[in-house]
Amino acid sequence: MAQKTVVIANRLGIHARPAALIAGAASKFASDIFLSKGEIRDVNGKSIMSVMMLAAEQGSEVTVRAEGEDAEAAVAAVAELLGSNFEGKI
């Protein structure tokens, strides 16, 4: 298992387009990937709707957790994307 907490940098937070990018990135890994923010725990990182349920605004902390054979790489990739401004990606 691997885990990392990231602060959302995007000024618009995680809306539909970033959620799609996050779910797409997570789907490339074999590991199960979960995201948590506050009381919202362990949503499926591979589901756009689940990622949007976090309602993660700029400055909020989101924890990325993965379980599986490529957990370290999965957490690193998703955490990097969450902490970015999504510039040139959306």
C-alpha atoms as a PDB file:
ATOM      1  CA  MET A   1       0.000   0.000   0.000  1.00  0.00           C
ATOM      2  CA  ALA A   2       1.159   3.539  -0.762  1.00  0.00           C
ATOM      3  CA  GLN A   3      -0.346   6.843   0.347  1.00  0.00           C
ATOM      4  CA  LYS A   4       0.273  10.566  -0.099  1.00  0.00           C
ATOM      5  CA  THR A   5      -1.615  13.738   0.819  1.00  0.00           C
ATOM      6  CA  VAL A   6      -1.708  16.577  -1.714  1.00  0.00           C
ATOM      7  CA  VAL A   7      -2.972  20.173  -1.590  1.00  0.00           C
ATOM      8  CA  ILE A   8      -5.169  21.108  -4.562  1.00  0.00           C
ATOM      9  CA  ALA A   9      -3.427  23.895  -6.489  1.00  0.00           C
ATOM     10  CA  ASN A  10      -5.902  24.484  -9.321  1.00  0.00           C
ATOM     11  CA  ARG A  11      -7.814  27.705  -8.634  1.00  0.00           C
ATOM     12  CA  LEU A  12     -11.053  26.101  -9.819  1.00  0.00           C
ATOM     13  CA  GLY A  13     -10.520  22.952  -7.783  1.00  0.00           C
ATOM     14  CA  ILE A  14     -11.480  19.552  -9.126  1.00  0.00           C
ATOM     15  CA  HIS A  15     -14.373  19.982 -11.541  1.00  0.00           C
ATOM     16  CA  ALA A  16     -15.427  17.764 -14.468  1.00  0.00           C
ATOM     17  CA  ARG A  17     -12.376  18.114 -16.705  1.00  0.00           C
ATOM     18  CA  PRO A  18      -9.736  17.592 -14.005  1.00  0.00           C
ATOM     19  CA  ALA A  19     -11.802  14.703 -12.614  1.00  0.00           C
ATOM     20  CA  ALA A  20     -11.718  13.067 -16.041  1.00  0.00           C
ATOM     21  CA  LEU A  21      -7.941  13.518 -16.232  1.00  0.00           C
ATOM     22  CA  ILE A  22      -7.460  12.074 -12.754  1.00  0.00           C
ATOM     23  CA  ALA A  23      -9.694   9.066 -13.440  1.00  0.00           C
ATOM     24  CA  GLY A  24      -7.959   8.502 -16.773  1.00  0.00           C
ATOM     25  CA  ALA A  25      -4.521   8.585 -15.160  1.00  0.00           C
ATOM     26  CA  ALA A  26      -5.644   6.262 -12.363  1.00  0.00           C
ATOM     27  CA  SER A  27      -7.126   3.811 -14.859  1.00  0.00           C
ATOM     28  CA  LYS A  28      -3.703   3.197 -16.372  1.00  0.00           C
ATOM     29  CA  PHE A  29      -2.625   1.348 -13.233  1.00  0.00           C
ATOM     30  CA  ALA A  30      -3.539  -2.147 -12.068  1.00  0.00           C
ATOM     31  CA  SER A  31      -3.741  -1.046  -8.421  1.00  0.00           C
ATOM     32  CA  ASP A  32      -6.965  -0.007  -6.738  1.00  0.00           C
ATOM     33  CA  ILE A  33      -6.774   3.758  -6.179  1.00  0.00           C
ATOM     34  CA  PHE A  34      -8.778   5.627  -3.555  1.00  0.00           C
ATOM     35  CA  LEU A  35      -9.115   9.341  -2.829  1.00  0.00           C
ATOM     36  CA  SER A  36     -10.238  10.930   0.433  1.00  0.00           C
ATOM     37  CA  LYS A  37     -10.999  14.488   1.529  1.00  0.00           C
ATOM     38  CA  GLY A  38     -12.264  15.273   4.999  1.00  0.00           C
ATOM     39  CA  GLU A  39     -15.209  13.057   5.864  1.00  0.00           C
ATOM     40  CA  ILE A  40     -15.454  11.739   2.301  1.00  0.00           C
ATOM     41  CA  ARG A  41     -13.381   8.561   2.422  1.00  0.00           C
ATOM     42  CA  ASP A  42     -12.070   6.114  -0.131  1.00  0.00           C
ATOM     43  CA  VAL A  43     -13.838   7.129  -3.337  1.00  0.00           C
ATOM     44  CA  ASN A  44     -12.809   5.210  -6.437  1.00  0.00           C
ATOM     45  CA  GLY A  45     -10.024   7.177  -8.158  1.00  0.00           C
ATOM     46  CA  LYS A  46     -10.842   5.493 -11.471  1.00  0.00           C
ATOM     47  CA  SER A  47     -14.399   6.894 -11.551  1.00  0.00           C
ATOM     48  CA  ILE A  48     -14.998  10.437 -12.812  1.00  0.00           C
ATOM     49  CA  MET A  49     -18.201  10.770 -10.784  1.00  0.00           C
ATOM     50  CA  SER A  50     -16.513   9.533  -7.618  1.00  0.00           C
ATOM     51  CA  VAL A  51     -13.642  11.988  -8.028  1.00  0.00           C
ATOM     52  CA  MET A  52     -16.120  14.834  -8.543  1.00  0.00           C
ATOM     53  CA  MET A  53     -17.938  13.801  -5.329  1.00  0.00           C
ATOM     54  CA  LEU A  54     -14.902  15.011  -3.380  1.00  0.00           C
ATOM     55  CA  ALA A  55     -15.845  18.625  -4.210  1.00  0.00           C
ATOM     56  CA  ALA A  56     -12.168  19.443  -3.732  1.00  0.00           C
ATOM     57  CA  GLU A  57     -11.645  23.186  -3.912  1.00  0.00           C
ATOM     58  CA  GLN A  58      -8.309  24.994  -4.194  1.00  0.00           C
ATOM     59  CA  GLY A  59      -6.282  24.592  -1.006  1.00  0.00           C
ATOM     60  CA  SER A  60      -8.083  21.467   0.202  1.00  0.00           C
ATOM     61  CA  GLU A  61      -6.106  18.363   1.129  1.00  0.00           C
ATOM     62  CA  VAL A  62      -6.779  15.137  -0.745  1.00  0.00           C
ATOM     63  CA  THR A  63      -5.207  11.831   0.243  1.00  0.00           C
ATOM     64  CA  VAL A  64      -4.340   9.383  -2.513  1.00  0.00           C
ATOM     65  CA  ARG A  65      -4.054   5.733  -1.492  1.00  0.00           C
ATOM     66  CA  ALA A  66      -3.330   2.739  -3.699  1.00  0.00           C
ATOM     67  CA  GLU A  67      -3.200  -0.987  -3.110  1.00  0.00           C
ATOM     68  CA  GLY A  68      -1.655  -3.384  -5.603  1.00  0.00           C
ATOM     69  CA  GLU A  69       1.432  -4.258  -7.549  1.00  0.00           C
ATOM     70  CA  ASP A  70       2.086  -0.755  -8.910  1.00  0.00           C
ATOM     71  CA  ALA A  71       0.795   1.211  -5.905  1.00  0.00           C
ATOM     72  CA  GLU A  72       3.859   3.466  -5.527  1.00  0.00           C
ATOM     73  CA  ALA A  73       3.802   4.542  -9.173  1.00  0.00           C
ATOM     74  CA  ALA A  74       0.020   5.004  -9.100  1.00  0.00           C
ATOM     75  CA  VAL A  75       0.115   7.255  -6.044  1.00  0.00           C
ATOM     76  CA  ALA A  76       2.990   9.285  -7.495  1.00  0.00           C
ATOM     77  CA  ALA A  77       1.205   9.857 -10.825  1.00  0.00           C
ATOM     78  CA  VAL A  78      -2.192  10.737  -9.363  1.00  0.00           C
ATOM     79  CA  ALA A  79      -0.685  12.925  -6.620  1.00  0.00           C
ATOM     80  CA  GLU A  80       1.372  14.841  -9.180  1.00  0.00           C
ATOM     81  CA  LEU A  81      -1.729  15.488 -11.260  1.00  0.00           C
ATOM     82  CA  LEU A  82      -3.794  16.551  -8.213  1.00  0.00           C
ATOM     83  CA  GLY A  83      -1.104  19.013  -7.151  1.00  0.00           C
ATOM     84  CA  SER A  84      -0.782  20.545 -10.611  1.00  0.00           C
ATOM     85  CA  ASN A  85      -2.725  23.404 -12.139  1.00  0.00           C
ATOM     86  CA  PHE A  86      -3.704  21.162 -15.076  1.00  0.00           C
ATOM     87  CA  GLU A  87      -2.132  23.767 -17.367  1.00  0.00           C
ATOM     88  CA  GLY A  88      -2.247  22.640 -20.971  1.00  0.00           C
ATOM     89  CA  LYS A  89      -4.231  19.549 -19.997  1.00  0.00           C
ATOM     90  CA  ILE A  90      -7.760  20.945 -19.811  1.00  0.00           C
END
